[in-house]
N, C-alpha and C. Protein backbone atom coordinates (compact mmCIF):
# COMPACT_ATOMS: atom_id res chain seq x y z
N MET A 1 0.84 -0.95 0.00
CA MET A 1 -0.14 0.08 -0.03
C MET A 1 0.81 1.30 -0.03
N THR A 2 0.60 1.83 -0.89
CA THR A 2 1.22 3.51 -1.04
C THR A 2 1.26 4.30 0.35
N SER A 3 1.71 5.08 0.79
CA SER A 3 1.60 5.65 2.00
C SER A 3 1.10 6.83 1.39
N TYR A 4 0.51 7.76 2.40
CA TYR A 4 -0.81 8.63 2.09
C TYR A 4 0.48 9.83 1.44
N ALA A 5 1.55 10.01 2.08
CA ALA A 5 2.47 11.01 1.62
C ALA A 5 2.97 10.72 0.08
N ARG A 6 2.60 9.34 -0.44
CA ARG A 6 3.56 9.47 -1.50
C ARG A 6 2.54 8.79 -2.76
N ARG A 7 0.94 9.34 -2.54
CA ARG A 7 -0.02 8.79 -3.21
C ARG A 7 0.05 10.28 -4.24
N PRO A 8 -0.39 9.96 -5.55
CA PRO A 8 -0.61 11.16 -6.50
C PRO A 8 -0.94 12.15 -5.78
N ILE A 9 -0.90 13.29 -6.94
CA ILE A 9 -1.54 14.24 -6.64
C ILE A 9 -1.63 15.04 -8.06
N VAL A 10 -3.45 15.34 -8.06
CA VAL A 10 -3.87 15.18 -9.32
C VAL A 10 -4.22 16.83 -9.39
N VAL A 11 -3.74 17.51 -10.72
CA VAL A 11 -3.93 19.00 -11.14
C VAL A 11 -5.06 19.10 -12.33
N GLY A 12 -6.22 19.86 -12.12
CA GLY A 12 -6.54 20.22 -13.08
C GLY A 12 -6.02 21.64 -13.77
N ILE A 13 -5.78 21.42 -15.03
CA ILE A 13 -5.29 22.39 -15.46
C ILE A 13 -5.68 23.10 -16.84
N ASP A 14 -6.58 24.45 -17.60
CA ASP A 14 -6.88 25.04 -19.01
C ASP A 14 -6.18 25.69 -19.35
N GLY A 15 -4.96 25.87 -19.10
CA GLY A 15 -4.32 26.92 -19.88
C GLY A 15 -4.45 28.55 -19.59
N SER A 16 -4.52 28.70 -18.44
CA SER A 16 -5.27 29.85 -17.78
C SER A 16 -3.80 30.34 -16.90
N PRO A 17 -3.46 31.58 -16.67
CA PRO A 17 -2.44 31.74 -15.67
C PRO A 17 -2.64 31.57 -14.13
N ASP A 18 -4.11 30.68 -14.11
CA ASP A 18 -4.83 30.73 -12.53
C ASP A 18 -4.02 28.90 -12.93
N ALA A 19 -4.15 28.43 -13.93
CA ALA A 19 -4.38 27.21 -13.54
C ALA A 19 -2.40 26.78 -13.84
N ARG A 20 -2.46 27.65 -14.67
CA ARG A 20 -0.55 27.15 -14.62
C ARG A 20 0.21 27.60 -12.89
N ARG A 21 -0.39 28.18 -12.34
CA ARG A 21 -0.08 28.22 -10.97
C ARG A 21 -0.50 27.38 -9.96
N ALA A 22 -1.61 26.47 -9.91
CA ALA A 22 -1.65 25.66 -9.41
C ALA A 22 -1.13 24.45 -9.79
N LEU A 23 -0.48 24.45 -11.07
CA LEU A 23 0.06 23.39 -11.74
C LEU A 23 1.65 23.61 -11.15
N CYS A 24 1.96 24.47 -10.68
CA CYS A 24 3.68 24.63 -10.57
C CYS A 24 3.50 24.78 -8.86
N LEU A 25 2.80 24.97 -8.11
CA LEU A 25 2.09 24.76 -6.69
C LEU A 25 2.15 23.08 -6.49
N ALA A 26 1.34 22.26 -7.59
CA ALA A 26 1.22 20.60 -7.22
C ALA A 26 2.62 20.00 -7.62
N GLY A 27 3.14 20.73 -8.82
CA GLY A 27 4.35 20.39 -9.03
C GLY A 27 5.71 20.26 -7.80
N GLU A 28 5.16 21.51 -7.28
CA GLU A 28 6.16 21.19 -5.98
C GLU A 28 6.18 20.64 -5.17
N MET A 29 4.84 20.52 -4.76
CA MET A 29 4.40 19.34 -3.96
C MET A 29 4.76 17.80 -4.35
N ALA A 30 4.21 17.65 -5.50
CA ALA A 30 5.02 16.47 -5.81
C ALA A 30 6.25 15.93 -5.92
N LEU A 31 7.08 17.20 -6.23
CA LEU A 31 8.35 16.62 -6.07
C LEU A 31 8.69 16.53 -4.71
N GLU A 32 8.47 17.41 -3.95
CA GLU A 32 8.00 17.18 -2.29
C GLU A 32 8.32 15.81 -1.43
N ARG A 33 7.00 15.18 -1.48
CA ARG A 33 6.60 13.82 -1.27
C ARG A 33 6.84 12.64 -2.41
N GLY A 34 7.88 13.48 -3.43
CA GLY A 34 8.26 11.92 -4.28
C GLY A 34 6.77 11.22 -4.55
N ALA A 35 5.22 11.77 -5.10
CA ALA A 35 4.89 11.61 -5.26
C ALA A 35 4.38 11.79 -6.70
N GLU A 36 3.84 11.25 -7.27
CA GLU A 36 3.22 10.92 -9.09
C GLU A 36 2.48 12.11 -9.14
N LEU A 37 2.80 13.24 -10.10
CA LEU A 37 1.80 13.97 -10.66
C LEU A 37 0.83 14.06 -11.70
N ILE A 38 -0.39 14.26 -11.64
CA ILE A 38 -1.17 13.74 -13.00
C ILE A 38 -1.88 15.36 -13.59
N VAL A 39 -1.53 14.96 -14.39
CA VAL A 39 -2.15 16.63 -14.97
C VAL A 39 -3.61 16.30 -15.92
N VAL A 40 -4.20 16.70 -15.39
CA VAL A 40 -5.78 17.01 -16.63
C VAL A 40 -6.55 17.84 -17.29
N HIS A 41 -6.46 17.67 -17.80
CA HIS A 41 -7.47 19.05 -18.96
C HIS A 41 -8.50 18.64 -19.67
N ALA A 42 -9.42 18.23 -19.46
CA ALA A 42 -10.86 18.35 -19.91
C ALA A 42 -11.05 19.08 -21.35
N VAL A 43 -10.96 18.20 -22.50
CA VAL A 43 -12.19 18.81 -23.72
C VAL A 43 -13.28 19.15 -23.78
N GLY A 44 -14.08 20.18 -24.36
CA GLY A 44 -15.09 20.58 -24.42
C GLY A 44 -15.19 20.13 -25.74
N LEU A 45 -16.14 20.82 -26.13
CA LEU A 45 -17.14 21.08 -27.61
C LEU A 45 -15.90 22.21 -28.09
N MET A 46 -15.71 23.02 -27.98
CA MET A 46 -15.46 24.04 -27.96
C MET A 46 -13.75 23.64 -27.57
N ALA A 47 -12.73 24.57 -28.09
CA ALA A 47 -11.02 24.82 -27.51
C ALA A 47 -10.79 25.75 -28.02
N GLU A 48 -10.08 26.65 -27.47
CA GLU A 48 -8.78 28.29 -28.07
C GLU A 48 -7.51 27.22 -28.59
N ILE A 49 -7.68 27.89 -29.61
CA ILE A 49 -6.13 27.29 -30.33
C ILE A 49 -5.87 28.86 -30.69
N ASP A 50 -4.68 28.58 -30.61
CA ASP A 50 -3.82 30.50 -31.28
C ASP A 50 -4.92 31.53 -30.61
N GLY A 51 -5.96 31.18 -29.92
CA GLY A 51 -6.65 32.31 -29.63
C GLY A 51 -7.26 32.75 -30.41
N ARG A 52 -8.00 32.13 -30.84
CA ARG A 52 -9.51 31.96 -31.39
C ARG A 52 -10.39 29.79 -31.01
N ARG A 53 -11.43 30.38 -31.00
CA ARG A 53 -12.28 29.40 -30.43
C ARG A 53 -12.55 28.30 -31.56
N VAL A 54 -12.52 27.02 -31.86
CA VAL A 54 -12.29 26.17 -32.82
C VAL A 54 -13.31 25.03 -32.21
N PRO A 55 -14.22 24.34 -33.14
CA PRO A 55 -14.77 23.04 -32.50
C PRO A 55 -13.63 21.95 -32.45
N ALA A 56 -13.48 21.27 -30.87
CA ALA A 56 -12.73 20.24 -30.40
C ALA A 56 -12.53 19.55 -31.75
N GLU A 57 -13.64 19.36 -32.56
CA GLU A 57 -13.41 17.90 -32.87
C GLU A 57 -12.80 18.49 -34.06
N GLY A 58 -11.78 17.28 -34.32
CA GLY A 58 -11.01 17.79 -35.48
C GLY A 58 -9.68 18.19 -35.29
N HIS A 59 -9.25 18.81 -34.29
CA HIS A 59 -8.18 19.33 -33.64
C HIS A 59 -7.94 19.08 -33.08
N ALA A 60 -7.84 17.69 -32.70
CA ALA A 60 -7.32 16.80 -31.85
C ALA A 60 -5.58 17.07 -31.26
N SER A 61 -5.31 16.96 -33.14
CA SER A 61 -3.20 17.11 -32.53
C SER A 61 -3.09 18.06 -32.16
N GLU A 62 -3.75 19.61 -32.51
CA GLU A 62 -3.67 20.83 -31.85
C GLU A 62 -3.62 21.17 -30.54
N ILE A 63 -4.78 20.43 -29.45
CA ILE A 63 -5.31 20.57 -28.68
C ILE A 63 -4.26 19.71 -27.71
N ALA A 64 -3.27 18.56 -28.00
CA ALA A 64 -2.47 17.99 -28.03
C ALA A 64 -1.27 18.19 -27.64
N GLU A 65 -0.82 19.28 -28.39
CA GLU A 65 0.26 20.11 -28.49
C GLU A 65 0.02 20.86 -27.56
N GLN A 66 -0.97 21.68 -27.69
CA GLN A 66 -1.64 23.08 -26.67
C GLN A 66 -0.95 22.27 -25.03
N PHE A 67 -1.69 21.16 -24.46
CA PHE A 67 -1.88 21.04 -23.63
C PHE A 67 -0.35 20.16 -23.35
N ALA A 68 0.59 19.79 -24.20
CA ALA A 68 1.60 18.99 -23.52
C ALA A 68 2.96 20.45 -23.40
N GLY A 69 2.52 21.57 -24.31
CA GLY A 69 3.10 22.90 -23.58
C GLY A 69 2.69 23.10 -22.47
N TRP A 70 1.47 23.92 -22.04
CA TRP A 70 1.04 24.17 -20.77
C TRP A 70 1.57 22.79 -19.82
N CYS A 71 1.34 22.11 -19.72
CA CYS A 71 2.10 20.87 -18.99
C CYS A 71 3.55 21.61 -18.70
N ASP A 72 4.25 21.53 -19.37
CA ASP A 72 5.87 22.05 -19.88
C ASP A 72 6.58 22.92 -18.31
N ALA A 73 5.30 23.64 -18.38
CA ALA A 73 5.07 24.62 -16.79
C ALA A 73 5.71 24.21 -15.97
N VAL A 74 5.62 22.85 -15.56
CA VAL A 74 5.78 22.13 -14.24
C VAL A 74 7.84 22.19 -13.94
N THR A 75 8.31 21.89 -15.34
CA THR A 75 9.69 21.78 -15.50
C THR A 75 10.26 23.16 -14.57
N THR A 76 9.42 23.92 -14.60
CA THR A 76 10.28 25.31 -13.59
C THR A 76 10.37 25.46 -12.41
N VAL A 77 9.62 24.24 -11.49
CA VAL A 77 10.35 23.91 -10.35
C VAL A 77 10.52 21.95 -10.11
N GLY A 78 11.40 21.96 -11.35
CA GLY A 78 12.01 21.04 -11.07
C GLY A 78 11.87 19.80 -11.52
N LEU A 79 10.63 19.57 -11.71
CA LEU A 79 9.87 17.75 -11.68
C LEU A 79 10.52 18.16 -13.36
N ASP A 80 10.42 16.76 -13.68
CA ASP A 80 10.81 16.43 -14.95
C ASP A 80 9.60 15.17 -15.67
N GLU A 81 9.02 14.81 -14.59
CA GLU A 81 8.27 13.25 -14.83
C GLU A 81 6.73 13.97 -14.67
N TRP A 82 5.78 13.49 -15.13
CA TRP A 82 4.53 13.49 -14.55
C TRP A 82 3.49 12.37 -15.83
N THR A 83 1.91 12.59 -15.26
CA THR A 83 1.11 11.58 -16.11
C THR A 83 0.76 12.75 -16.81
N PRO A 84 0.33 12.75 -18.40
CA PRO A 84 -0.67 13.50 -18.78
C PRO A 84 -2.21 12.78 -18.70
N VAL A 85 -2.95 13.25 -18.62
CA VAL A 85 -4.99 12.87 -18.88
C VAL A 85 -4.99 14.06 -19.63
N LEU A 86 -5.70 13.81 -20.92
CA LEU A 86 -6.40 14.38 -21.73
C LEU A 86 -7.77 13.84 -22.23
N ARG A 87 -8.67 14.43 -22.20
CA ARG A 87 -9.71 14.07 -22.61
C ARG A 87 -10.89 14.86 -22.53
N HIS A 88 -12.30 13.64 -23.44
CA HIS A 88 -12.93 14.38 -23.35
C HIS A 88 -13.85 14.12 -22.25
N GLY A 89 -14.59 15.90 -22.20
CA GLY A 89 -15.77 15.33 -20.99
C GLY A 89 -15.87 16.82 -19.88
N ASP A 90 -16.59 16.97 -18.85
CA ASP A 90 -16.76 17.60 -17.68
C ASP A 90 -15.43 18.43 -17.06
N PRO A 91 -14.94 19.36 -17.16
CA PRO A 91 -13.24 19.28 -15.88
C PRO A 91 -13.97 18.82 -14.97
N ALA A 92 -15.11 19.24 -13.55
CA ALA A 92 -15.16 18.78 -12.32
C ALA A 92 -15.22 17.69 -13.13
N GLU A 93 -15.63 16.93 -13.69
CA GLU A 93 -16.31 14.99 -13.41
C GLU A 93 -15.09 14.21 -13.87
N LEU A 94 -14.22 15.15 -14.92
CA LEU A 94 -12.95 14.32 -14.86
C LEU A 94 -11.79 14.48 -13.71
N VAL A 95 -11.89 16.11 -13.46
CA VAL A 95 -10.51 15.93 -12.58
C VAL A 95 -11.30 14.86 -10.87
N SER A 96 -12.74 15.17 -10.70
CA SER A 96 -12.95 14.14 -9.78
C SER A 96 -12.69 12.41 -9.42
N SER A 97 -13.01 12.14 -11.35
CA SER A 97 -13.00 10.71 -11.58
C SER A 97 -11.61 10.38 -11.60
N VAL A 98 -9.83 11.08 -12.11
CA VAL A 98 -9.29 10.41 -12.23
C VAL A 98 -8.32 11.09 -10.72
N ALA A 99 -8.71 11.13 -10.13
CA ALA A 99 -8.46 11.68 -8.78
C ALA A 99 -8.74 10.61 -7.82
N ARG A 100 -10.22 9.54 -8.30
CA ARG A 100 -10.65 9.06 -7.08
C ARG A 100 -9.91 7.57 -7.87
N ASP A 101 -9.77 7.71 -8.83
CA ASP A 101 -9.35 6.64 -9.81
C ASP A 101 -7.73 6.20 -9.62
N ALA A 102 -7.20 7.50 -9.05
CA ALA A 102 -5.57 6.87 -8.85
C ALA A 102 -5.43 6.95 -7.62
N ASN A 103 -6.70 7.00 -6.81
CA ASN A 103 -6.17 6.38 -5.45
C ASN A 103 -5.67 8.44 -4.55
N ALA A 104 -5.37 9.62 -5.40
CA ALA A 104 -4.86 10.40 -5.03
C ALA A 104 -5.01 11.01 -3.70
N ALA A 105 -3.86 11.30 -3.51
CA ALA A 105 -3.79 11.91 -1.85
C ALA A 105 -4.37 13.60 -1.96
N LEU A 106 -4.31 14.55 -2.98
CA LEU A 106 -4.70 15.68 -2.98
C LEU A 106 -5.17 16.12 -4.51
N VAL A 107 -6.32 17.19 -4.80
CA VAL A 107 -6.73 17.54 -6.37
C VAL A 107 -6.37 18.79 -5.70
N VAL A 108 -5.54 19.64 -6.58
CA VAL A 108 -5.38 21.27 -6.94
C VAL A 108 -5.74 21.86 -8.45
N VAL A 109 -6.48 23.01 -8.01
CA VAL A 109 -6.90 23.40 -8.90
C VAL A 109 -6.98 24.84 -9.04
N GLY A 110 -6.97 25.94 -9.98
CA GLY A 110 -6.63 26.97 -9.94
C GLY A 110 -8.15 27.69 -9.75
N ARG A 111 -8.39 29.08 -9.27
CA ARG A 111 -9.57 30.00 -8.66
C ARG A 111 -10.15 30.68 -9.90
N HIS A 112 -10.89 30.55 -10.84
CA HIS A 112 -11.11 31.96 -11.65
C HIS A 112 -12.84 32.37 -11.07
N GLY A 113 -13.05 32.35 -9.74
CA GLY A 113 -14.42 32.91 -9.42
C GLY A 113 -14.21 34.41 -9.85
N SER A 114 -15.24 35.13 -9.68
CA SER A 114 -15.43 36.50 -10.15
C SER A 114 -15.59 37.64 -9.39
N GLY A 115 -15.94 37.15 -8.17
CA GLY A 115 -15.20 37.87 -7.15
C GLY A 115 -16.82 38.86 -6.51
N GLN A 116 -17.84 38.41 -8.21
CA GLN A 116 -18.35 39.97 -7.57
C GLN A 116 -19.26 39.56 -6.09
N ARG A 117 -20.35 38.23 -6.27
CA ARG A 117 -21.00 37.69 -5.31
C ARG A 117 -20.37 36.37 -4.64
N PRO A 118 -19.69 36.57 -3.01
CA PRO A 118 -18.97 35.78 -2.25
C PRO A 118 -19.07 34.02 -2.71
N GLU A 119 -20.95 33.60 -3.36
CA GLU A 119 -21.07 32.04 -3.69
C GLU A 119 -20.27 31.86 -4.58
N LEU A 120 -20.05 33.22 -5.78
CA LEU A 120 -19.06 32.66 -6.61
C LEU A 120 -17.94 33.03 -7.00
N LEU A 121 -17.01 33.09 -5.32
CA LEU A 121 -15.83 33.29 -4.88
C LEU A 121 -15.00 32.50 -5.98
N LEU A 122 -15.33 31.12 -5.84
CA LEU A 122 -14.60 29.78 -5.80
C LEU A 122 -14.30 29.67 -7.86
N GLY A 123 -15.57 29.54 -8.32
CA GLY A 123 -15.95 29.33 -9.37
C GLY A 123 -16.20 27.94 -10.01
N SER A 124 -17.12 27.84 -11.02
CA SER A 124 -17.94 26.82 -10.87
C SER A 124 -16.79 25.61 -10.60
N THR A 125 -16.21 25.78 -11.35
CA THR A 125 -15.37 24.44 -11.77
C THR A 125 -14.86 24.50 -10.16
N ALA A 126 -14.25 24.70 -9.59
CA ALA A 126 -13.38 24.26 -8.54
C ALA A 126 -14.51 24.13 -7.48
N HIS A 127 -15.77 24.99 -7.31
CA HIS A 127 -16.69 24.42 -6.49
C HIS A 127 -17.41 23.15 -6.43
N GLN A 128 -17.26 22.49 -7.58
CA GLN A 128 -17.98 20.93 -8.44
C GLN A 128 -16.64 20.06 -7.93
N VAL A 129 -15.23 20.59 -7.89
CA VAL A 129 -14.49 19.37 -7.75
C VAL A 129 -14.46 18.97 -5.87
N ILE A 130 -14.91 20.33 -5.62
CA ILE A 130 -14.67 20.14 -3.68
C ILE A 130 -15.93 19.75 -3.59
N GLU A 131 -17.20 19.71 -4.38
CA GLU A 131 -18.20 18.69 -3.70
C GLU A 131 -18.13 17.24 -3.90
N ARG A 132 -17.22 16.92 -5.11
CA ARG A 132 -16.70 15.81 -5.61
C ARG A 132 -16.04 14.42 -4.89
N ALA A 133 -15.28 15.64 -4.35
CA ALA A 133 -13.54 14.54 -4.58
C ALA A 133 -13.62 13.71 -3.21
N ARG A 134 -12.81 12.70 -3.48
CA ARG A 134 -12.94 12.06 -2.19
C ARG A 134 -11.90 12.50 -1.27
N CYS A 135 -11.08 13.34 -1.54
CA CYS A 135 -9.67 14.36 -0.97
C CYS A 135 -10.16 15.06 -0.73
N PRO A 136 -8.60 15.57 0.17
CA PRO A 136 -8.40 16.67 -0.37
C PRO A 136 -8.16 17.63 -1.06
N VAL A 137 -9.20 19.10 -1.32
CA VAL A 137 -8.85 20.01 -2.31
C VAL A 137 -8.25 20.76 -1.76
N LEU A 138 -7.09 21.86 -3.17
CA LEU A 138 -6.69 23.16 -2.57
C LEU A 138 -6.68 23.50 -3.82
N VAL A 139 -7.64 24.74 -3.23
CA VAL A 139 -7.66 25.86 -4.52
C VAL A 139 -6.92 27.06 -4.48
N VAL A 140 -6.00 26.96 -6.05
CA VAL A 140 -5.07 28.22 -5.31
C VAL A 140 -5.61 29.55 -6.13
N PRO A 141 -5.81 30.47 -5.02
CA PRO A 141 -6.48 31.64 -5.45
C PRO A 141 -5.65 32.37 -6.70
N PRO A 142 -6.00 33.47 -7.29
CA PRO A 142 -4.87 34.20 -8.85
C PRO A 142 -3.66 35.36 -7.78
N VAL A 143 -2.59 35.36 -8.44
CA VAL A 143 -2.52 36.25 -7.92
C VAL A 143 -2.77 37.75 -7.02
N GLY A 144 -2.27 38.03 -6.20
CA GLY A 144 -2.47 39.59 -5.26
C GLY A 144 -4.17 39.62 -5.53
N THR A 145 -4.40 38.49 -4.81
CA THR A 145 -6.03 37.97 -4.41
C THR A 145 -6.15 38.15 -3.05
N SER A 146 -7.02 38.55 -1.97
CA SER A 146 -6.88 38.56 -0.98
C SER A 146 -7.61 36.64 -0.34
N ALA A 147 -7.40 35.76 -0.05
CA ALA A 147 -7.65 34.65 1.03
C ALA A 147 -9.22 34.90 1.68
N GLN A 148 -9.36 36.64 1.85
CA GLN A 148 -10.84 36.70 2.87
C GLN A 148 -11.94 36.54 1.78
N VAL A 149 -12.93 36.36 2.74
CA VAL A 149 -14.52 36.78 1.51
C VAL A 149 -14.67 37.75 3.02
N ALA A 150 -15.35 38.71 2.20
CA ALA A 150 -16.05 39.84 3.22
C ALA A 150 -17.49 39.50 3.74
N PRO A 151 -18.50 39.28 4.14
CA PRO A 151 -19.60 39.01 4.61
C PRO A 151 -20.41 39.57 4.06
N ALA A 152 -21.92 39.06 3.21
CA ALA A 152 -22.65 39.21 2.12
C ALA A 152 -23.22 40.53 3.10
């Protein structure tokens, strides 16, 4: 049985700066623990390639190449190996199911919430991952944001 500290860390990414920050933090944690890092991206009906929205169907190679480029950001923290998971599906469901199947110790996601209303501060994907996960979830806030939420 794998000890808790060495169980995989799963991180969901979407190419955003918030996701890059989550990826690098997850990479640092995996490196420190000697744990596998599993990097997950859910492909939807549409994808953004070279700054334009296109149907995902018919662009599999471009999406895979873009995903690989996003994953390379983790090398900046010294991690040279990770497991990429690129599949069609709902982001929250895919991240949660990969974490469950891998018996992950931790899930890491970036936060995109609008901050206009406290209940939307997390963002829908982070919120859904928290609700579905069977392990702890670390939600990484964007740079320059406060960790405190003002009362409504």
